[in-house]
């Protein structure tokens, strides 16, 4: 008797149409608690009381094919919602998962999502606190070549905000057929004209490399796990990509307590669009596999056919500190990976320092030319 097939993985949970703010009050003094980076607890900024986050649920990935087959799909439309602070009663209009009351600093977290959006399955909690993030920022500024001295003297940012940014992760098993060419290097002896450095040429015999190409084809297989794709376009996608790789081994099952005191963006890139980006990343790796399979000294891949199976995905919130500073009337932005400490961002350049560097290089080149000419003149007169 054959064993029963395992149940399919669950579909991602679309949110309910109504969203209610969640606030987390300290049991000792009533102040709003916030998540303490690097821990599994919320901490009261007023009295220091801690409350453990005790969720033990496992992170579950979802079948992409099952999600795609459900009509209608949840849509990724960002809509404003109103959060009410239970601390002071003020209301805030936002398009984020969580926010901070602009009047009393109370933490606001959305209990459920409007507009049928997919609820995050996982969250990588903040590992760097505000102080550590400012230190990473200051070290980054000081390491920038040609940065103005005034910028290097900046000890901290004008404003730094902790924000969770949504990302899709995709898993896939792939089988790929390719057609290409294998290049083998060989050498021939040729007599060729060579410059003599004085405006003339002379003939020299040397070994010249040539490449012999032959047809190649084959099959490669690779499994992918957690290909990460940014799911919100409010921040520059190329810079978010540069902030990786992310340490997803520390991810926790999504629990709103981890969002307390931090902003959290909602996705505006749906799973379909995210998968297209992920496939591009996968195909770059697969092309490398094909080149390795072809072998030789050079390779060309002219045709590639990829079959994707066991496609799985999830929505995970990843932590960054967004720092901004004003210099010479222009605002610059720096993003700090609050998981690893990687820093990516804008910086101004000192025109004076660049000018001196160019001048110094020209002086060095002129000195080398003068020495060469003097040596040539001396050799010619002897």
Protein backbone atom coordinates (compact mmCIF):
# COMPACT_ATOMS: atom_id res chain seq x y z
CA UNK A 1 0.00 0.00 0.00
CA UNK A 2 1.50 3.30 -1.08
CA UNK A 3 2.02 6.07 1.42
CA UNK A 4 -0.30 9.06 1.31
CA UNK A 5 1.14 12.10 -0.45
CA UNK A 6 2.23 14.88 1.90
CA UNK A 7 -0.17 17.83 2.08
CA UNK A 8 0.72 20.77 -0.19
CA UNK A 9 2.34 23.78 1.44
CA UNK A 10 -0.19 26.40 2.50
CA UNK A 11 -0.97 29.44 0.42
CA UNK A 12 0.30 32.77 1.71
CA UNK A 13 -2.19 34.46 3.96
CA UNK A 14 -3.96 37.44 2.41
CA UNK A 15 -4.86 39.99 5.00
CA UNK A 16 -8.29 40.85 6.20
CA UNK A 17 -9.91 44.02 4.84
CA UNK A 18 -9.70 45.82 8.16
CA UNK A 19 -6.46 46.89 9.84
CA UNK A 20 -6.10 47.85 13.47
CA UNK A 21 -3.04 49.44 15.07
CA UNK A 22 -1.28 47.53 17.79
CA UNK A 23 0.62 49.24 20.57
CA UNK A 24 2.68 47.58 23.25
CA UNK A 25 2.44 49.20 26.68
CA UNK A 26 4.95 48.61 29.46
CA UNK A 27 3.37 46.62 32.30
CA UNK A 28 5.41 48.62 34.83
CA UNK A 29 5.00 52.25 33.78
CA UNK A 30 2.59 52.24 30.84
CA UNK A 31 5.07 53.75 28.32
CA UNK A 32 5.26 52.39 24.77
CA UNK A 33 7.73 49.52 24.45
CA UNK A 34 9.97 49.04 21.42
CA UNK A 35 11.92 46.10 20.07
CA UNK A 36 15.48 45.91 21.48
CA UNK A 37 17.94 45.17 18.60
CA UNK A 38 19.98 42.01 18.96
CA UNK A 39 17.54 40.42 21.40
CA UNK A 40 14.23 38.56 21.40
CA UNK A 41 12.56 41.09 23.64
CA UNK A 42 10.83 44.46 23.68
CA UNK A 43 12.25 47.04 26.08
CA UNK A 44 10.64 50.05 27.74
CA UNK A 45 12.68 53.19 26.99
CA UNK A 46 11.40 54.78 30.20
CA UNK A 47 12.02 52.19 32.93
CA UNK A 48 13.99 49.46 31.14
CA UNK A 49 11.43 46.70 31.69
CA UNK A 50 11.78 43.91 29.11
CA UNK A 51 9.12 41.62 27.68
CA UNK A 52 10.19 38.49 25.82
CA UNK A 53 8.84 37.79 22.33
CA UNK A 54 7.80 34.18 22.71
CA UNK A 55 6.57 33.17 19.25
CA UNK A 56 7.83 29.66 18.44
CA UNK A 57 6.12 29.26 15.06
CA UNK A 58 8.17 27.95 12.15
CA UNK A 59 8.72 29.90 8.92
CA UNK A 60 6.69 28.37 6.10
CA UNK A 61 7.38 28.89 2.39
CA UNK A 62 4.50 28.86 -0.08
CA UNK A 63 3.99 27.19 -3.44
CA UNK A 64 4.20 29.78 -6.17
CA UNK A 65 2.22 27.63 -8.62
CA UNK A 66 -0.60 27.21 -6.10
CA UNK A 67 -0.67 30.95 -5.42
CA UNK A 68 -0.67 31.79 -9.15
CA UNK A 69 -3.60 29.42 -9.76
CA UNK A 70 -5.91 31.14 -7.27
CA UNK A 71 -8.26 33.70 -8.88
CA UNK A 72 -8.17 36.49 -8.11
CA UNK A 73 -4.63 36.93 -6.83
CA UNK A 74 -4.00 39.30 -3.94
CA UNK A 75 -3.02 42.63 -5.41
CA UNK A 76 -0.03 44.71 -4.39
CA UNK A 77 -1.64 48.10 -4.30
CA UNK A 78 -0.45 50.48 -1.62
CA UNK A 79 -3.30 52.28 0.05
CA UNK A 80 -3.19 54.79 2.88
CA UNK A 81 -4.56 53.75 6.22
CA UNK A 82 -5.11 55.60 9.48
CA UNK A 83 -3.38 54.44 12.65
CA UNK A 84 -4.48 55.77 16.02
CA UNK A 85 -2.01 56.10 18.88
CA UNK A 86 -3.45 54.63 22.06
CA UNK A 87 -0.94 56.68 24.02
CA UNK A 88 -2.05 60.20 23.06
CA UNK A 89 -4.95 59.60 20.67
CA UNK A 90 -3.30 61.24 17.64
CA UNK A 91 -4.01 59.75 14.22
CA UNK A 92 -1.40 59.11 11.52
CA UNK A 93 -2.02 58.39 7.85
CA UNK A 94 0.56 55.94 6.52
CA UNK A 95 1.20 53.28 3.92
CA UNK A 96 3.48 51.21 6.12
CA UNK A 97 3.15 48.13 8.32
CA UNK A 98 4.25 50.11 11.34
CA UNK A 99 5.12 53.65 12.31
CA UNK A 100 5.91 55.88 15.27
CA UNK A 101 3.54 58.51 16.61
CA UNK A 102 4.95 61.89 15.59
CA UNK A 103 3.54 63.51 18.74
CA UNK A 104 4.37 61.21 21.64
CA UNK A 105 6.78 58.69 20.08
CA UNK A 106 4.46 55.76 20.76
CA UNK A 107 4.94 52.62 18.66
CA UNK A 108 2.18 51.74 16.20
CA UNK A 109 1.99 48.36 14.49
CA UNK A 110 -0.69 47.12 12.11
CA UNK A 111 -2.39 43.93 13.28
CA UNK A 112 -3.62 42.97 9.79
CA UNK A 113 -3.26 44.28 6.29
CA UNK A 114 -5.86 45.98 4.07
CA UNK A 115 -6.20 45.63 0.30
CA UNK A 116 -5.68 41.85 0.27
CA UNK A 117 -1.93 42.14 0.64
CA UNK A 118 0.13 39.07 1.56
CA UNK A 119 1.20 39.12 5.19
CA UNK A 120 4.96 38.67 5.80
CA UNK A 121 5.98 35.15 6.69
CA UNK A 122 9.33 36.05 8.24
CA UNK A 123 11.33 38.92 9.71
CA UNK A 124 15.06 39.37 10.26
CA UNK A 125 15.15 41.42 13.49
CA UNK A 126 17.43 44.42 13.92
CA UNK A 127 20.90 43.40 15.14
CA UNK A 128 22.45 46.91 15.14
CA UNK A 129 20.98 49.50 17.48
CA UNK A 130 20.98 53.22 16.74
CA UNK A 131 24.35 53.84 18.42
CA UNK A 132 26.07 51.04 16.51
CA UNK A 133 24.48 52.20 13.25
CA UNK A 134 25.80 55.73 13.80
CA UNK A 135 29.27 54.30 14.43
CA UNK A 136 29.10 52.33 11.17
CA UNK A 137 28.00 55.49 9.37
CA UNK A 138 30.85 57.55 10.86
CA UNK A 139 33.42 54.89 9.91
CA UNK A 140 32.03 54.79 6.36
CA UNK A 141 32.30 58.57 6.00
CA UNK A 142 35.90 58.62 7.24
CA UNK A 143 36.90 55.90 4.75
CA UNK A 144 35.67 57.84 1.70
CA UNK A 145 38.50 59.12 -0.48
CA UNK A 146 38.14 62.70 -1.68
CA UNK A 147 35.41 63.36 0.89
CA UNK A 148 35.40 66.99 2.11
CA UNK A 149 37.06 67.49 5.48
CA UNK A 150 33.85 69.06 6.78
CA UNK A 151 31.96 65.85 5.97
CA UNK A 152 34.56 63.68 7.69
CA UNK A 153 34.08 65.77 10.81
CA UNK A 154 30.41 64.80 10.98
CA UNK A 155 30.05 62.55 14.03
CA UNK A 156 26.47 61.45 13.49
CA UNK A 157 23.66 61.85 11.02
CA UNK A 158 21.03 64.54 11.03
CA UNK A 159 18.40 61.81 11.07
CA UNK A 160 18.58 58.02 11.16
CA UNK A 161 15.50 55.85 10.94
CA UNK A 162 15.10 52.14 11.45
CA UNK A 163 12.99 50.59 8.70
CA UNK A 164 12.03 47.07 7.71
CA UNK A 165 12.03 46.65 3.92
CA UNK A 166 9.98 43.82 2.33
CA UNK A 167 11.77 41.30 0.14
CA UNK A 168 10.59 38.20 -1.68
CA UNK A 169 12.67 35.04 -1.44
CA UNK A 170 12.34 32.31 -4.06
CA UNK A 171 13.39 28.64 -4.12
CA UNK A 172 13.50 26.55 -7.28
CA UNK A 173 14.81 23.33 -8.76
CA UNK A 174 16.13 23.89 -12.28
CA UNK A 175 17.03 21.67 -15.21
CA UNK A 176 18.71 23.46 -18.12
CA UNK A 177 19.72 22.52 -21.67
CA UNK A 178 22.25 24.69 -23.43
CA UNK A 179 23.91 25.11 -26.82
CA UNK A 180 27.19 26.94 -27.19
CA UNK A 181 30.83 26.78 -28.23
CA UNK A 182 34.08 25.70 -26.59
CA UNK A 183 37.18 27.75 -27.28
CA UNK A 184 40.68 26.25 -27.12
CA UNK A 185 43.72 28.52 -27.22
CA UNK A 186 46.70 27.74 -29.43
CA UNK A 187 49.73 29.73 -30.49
CA UNK A 188 51.33 30.49 -33.84
CA UNK A 189 54.64 32.15 -34.63
CA UNK A 190 54.28 35.40 -36.54
CA UNK A 191 56.52 38.30 -37.50
CA UNK A 192 54.77 41.54 -36.67
CA UNK A 193 55.66 45.27 -36.62
CA UNK A 194 56.38 46.66 -33.15
CA UNK A 195 56.77 50.31 -32.16
CA UNK A 196 60.30 51.35 -31.20
CA UNK A 197 59.02 54.16 -28.94
CA UNK A 198 60.54 56.88 -31.17
CA UNK A 199 57.87 57.09 -33.82
CA UNK A 200 59.17 54.22 -35.91
CA UNK A 201 58.66 50.45 -36.00
CA UNK A 202 60.71 47.32 -36.33
CA UNK A 203 59.79 43.70 -37.02
CA UNK A 204 59.74 41.10 -34.27
CA UNK A 205 58.93 37.39 -34.27
CA UNK A 206 56.61 36.33 -31.46
CA UNK A 207 54.05 33.79 -30.36
CA UNK A 208 50.49 35.01 -31.07
CA UNK A 209 47.44 33.44 -29.37
CA UNK A 210 44.57 32.19 -31.48
CA UNK A 211 41.30 30.48 -30.44
CA UNK A 212 39.84 27.37 -32.06
CA UNK A 213 36.06 27.08 -31.55
CA UNK A 214 34.03 23.85 -31.57
CA UNK A 215 30.31 23.18 -30.97
CA UNK A 216 29.17 22.29 -27.47
CA UNK A 217 25.87 21.35 -25.86
CA UNK A 218 24.76 19.75 -22.64
CA UNK A 219 22.56 19.68 -19.57
CA UNK A 220 23.07 21.18 -16.10
CA UNK A 221 20.97 21.13 -12.93
CA UNK A 222 20.95 23.41 -9.90
CA UNK A 223 18.72 23.99 -6.88
CA UNK A 224 18.26 27.54 -5.61
CA UNK A 225 17.41 28.50 -2.05
CA UNK A 226 16.33 31.97 -0.90
CA UNK A 227 17.04 34.10 -3.97
CA UNK A 228 16.33 37.55 -2.52
CA UNK A 229 14.44 40.24 -4.46
CA UNK A 230 13.53 43.69 -3.05
CA UNK A 231 9.75 44.09 -3.01
CA UNK A 232 9.43 47.85 -2.47
CA UNK A 233 10.61 50.51 -4.92
CA UNK A 234 10.59 53.46 -2.52
CA UNK A 235 14.33 52.90 -1.90
CA UNK A 236 16.86 52.44 -4.77
CA UNK A 237 16.77 48.79 -5.83
CA UNK A 238 20.42 48.72 -6.92
CA UNK A 239 21.55 49.89 -3.49
CA UNK A 240 19.34 47.40 -1.69
CA UNK A 241 20.96 44.68 -3.81
CA UNK A 242 24.43 45.91 -2.83
CA UNK A 243 23.55 45.61 0.85
CA UNK A 244 23.51 41.83 0.63
CA UNK A 245 24.09 39.05 1.17
CA UNK A 246 21.61 38.89 4.03
CA UNK A 247 22.00 36.40 6.84
CA UNK A 248 18.60 34.74 6.55
CA UNK A 249 19.54 32.01 9.01
CA UNK A 250 18.57 34.40 11.83
CA UNK A 251 15.09 35.06 10.40
CA UNK A 252 12.14 34.62 12.76
CA UNK A 253 8.53 33.81 12.05
CA UNK A 254 6.77 37.13 11.54
CA UNK A 255 5.66 38.62 14.82
CA UNK A 256 4.48 42.28 15.03
CA UNK A 257 6.41 42.70 18.31
CA UNK A 258 9.64 42.85 16.26
CA UNK A 259 8.24 45.92 14.46
CA UNK A 260 7.51 47.91 17.60
CA UNK A 261 9.31 51.24 17.36
CA UNK A 262 10.37 50.86 13.72
CA UNK A 263 8.85 51.71 10.36
CA UNK A 264 8.03 48.81 8.04
CA UNK A 265 7.27 49.31 4.36
CA UNK A 266 4.68 47.30 2.49
CA UNK A 267 5.52 45.66 -0.82
CA UNK A 268 4.61 47.29 -4.12
CA UNK A 269 6.28 44.65 -6.33
CA UNK A 270 4.04 41.58 -6.48
CA UNK A 271 5.26 37.94 -6.56
CA UNK A 272 4.91 37.72 -10.37
CA UNK A 273 7.25 40.65 -10.93
CA UNK A 274 9.52 39.45 -8.14
CA UNK A 275 9.85 36.00 -9.71
CA UNK A 276 10.84 37.56 -13.05
CA UNK A 277 13.71 39.34 -11.29
CA UNK A 278 14.67 36.18 -9.41
CA UNK A 279 14.77 34.17 -12.65
CA UNK A 280 17.20 36.70 -14.11
CA UNK A 281 19.47 36.18 -11.11
CA UNK A 282 19.13 32.40 -11.39
CA UNK A 283 19.92 32.41 -15.12
CA UNK A 284 23.16 34.32 -14.48
CA UNK A 285 24.24 31.49 -12.15
CA UNK A 286 23.01 28.80 -14.56
CA UNK A 287 24.98 30.40 -17.41
CA UNK A 288 28.08 30.13 -15.25
CA UNK A 289 27.29 26.45 -14.69
CA UNK A 290 27.02 25.97 -18.46
CA UNK A 291 30.39 27.61 -19.00
CA UNK A 292 31.92 25.30 -16.43
CA UNK A 293 30.34 22.30 -18.12
CA UNK A 294 31.64 23.37 -21.55
CA UNK A 295 35.19 23.72 -20.26
CA UNK A 296 38.09 24.82 -22.44
CA UNK A 297 39.77 28.22 -22.30
CA UNK A 298 36.75 30.26 -23.41
CA UNK A 299 33.04 29.55 -23.67
CA UNK A 300 30.04 30.90 -25.49
CA UNK A 301 26.45 30.10 -24.48
CA UNK A 302 24.18 30.87 -27.42
CA UNK A 303 20.96 29.11 -26.35
CA UNK A 304 19.64 28.34 -22.87
CA UNK A 305 16.39 26.60 -21.97
CA UNK A 306 15.54 26.46 -18.26
CA UNK A 307 12.77 24.43 -16.62
CA UNK A 308 11.71 25.56 -13.12
CA UNK A 309 10.02 23.18 -10.70
CA UNK A 310 9.17 23.24 -6.98
CA UNK A 311 8.89 27.02 -7.03
CA UNK A 312 8.45 28.33 -3.49
CA UNK A 313 8.32 31.86 -2.14
CA UNK A 314 7.77 33.92 0.98
CA UNK A 315 7.67 37.56 2.04
CA UNK A 316 10.36 38.54 4.55
CA UNK A 317 11.05 41.89 6.21
CA UNK A 318 14.74 42.87 6.28
CA UNK A 319 16.13 45.59 8.58
CA UNK A 320 18.01 48.72 7.50
CA UNK A 321 18.95 52.01 9.09
CA UNK A 322 18.35 54.90 6.69
CA UNK A 323 20.60 57.84 7.45
CA UNK A 324 20.44 61.26 5.83
CA UNK A 325 22.69 64.29 6.12
CA UNK A 326 22.79 67.78 4.66
CA UNK A 327 26.02 69.02 3.07
CA UNK A 328 26.50 72.20 1.03
CA UNK A 329 22.73 72.58 0.68
CA UNK A 330 22.23 69.07 -0.73
CA UNK A 331 20.80 66.08 1.11
CA UNK A 332 22.54 62.71 0.85
CA UNK A 333 21.24 59.29 1.86
CA UNK A 334 23.08 56.33 3.36
CA UNK A 335 21.60 52.89 4.07
CA UNK A 336 23.06 50.58 6.70
CA UNK A 337 22.31 46.86 6.71
CA UNK A 338 21.11 46.35 10.30
CA UNK A 339 21.75 42.63 9.89
CA UNK A 340 25.44 42.73 8.82
CA UNK A 341 26.60 46.36 9.13
CA UNK A 342 27.20 46.83 5.37
CA UNK A 343 26.97 50.53 4.40
CA UNK A 344 25.86 51.79 0.97
CA UNK A 345 25.09 55.39 0.06
CA UNK A 346 25.72 58.81 -1.43
CA UNK A 347 28.66 61.04 -0.68
CA UNK A 348 29.89 64.42 -1.92
CA UNK A 349 33.34 64.89 -3.45
CA UNK A 350 35.86 67.59 -2.63
CA UNK A 351 36.74 69.38 -5.87
CA UNK A 352 39.85 70.82 -4.22
CA UNK A 353 41.14 67.38 -3.19
CA UNK A 354 40.44 65.96 -6.65
CA UNK A 355 42.25 68.90 -8.28
CA UNK A 356 45.31 68.38 -6.06
CA UNK A 357 45.27 64.64 -6.78
CA UNK A 358 45.16 65.24 -10.54
CA UNK A 359 47.94 67.85 -10.25
CA UNK A 360 50.04 65.42 -8.22
CA UNK A 361 49.56 62.68 -10.80
CA UNK A 362 50.58 65.03 -13.62
CA UNK A 363 53.72 66.01 -11.72
CA UNK A 364 54.66 62.35 -11.22
CA UNK A 365 54.06 61.57 -14.92
CA UNK A 366 56.12 64.59 -15.96
CA UNK A 367 58.97 63.50 -13.69
CA UNK A 368 58.94 59.96 -15.14
CA UNK A 369 58.98 61.32 -18.71
CA UNK A 370 61.86 63.67 -17.86
CA UNK A 371 63.90 60.83 -16.37
CA UNK A 372 63.19 58.64 -19.40
CA UNK A 373 64.20 61.36 -21.85
CA UNK A 374 67.35 62.12 -19.89
CA UNK A 375 68.29 58.43 -19.86
CA UNK A 376 67.61 58.12 -23.61
CA UNK A 377 69.68 61.23 -24.35
CA UNK A 378 72.55 59.95 -22.22
CA UNK A 379 72.49 56.56 -23.92
CA UNK A 380 72.42 58.11 -27.38
CA UNK A 381 75.41 60.38 -26.75
CA UNK A 382 77.64 57.65 -25.32
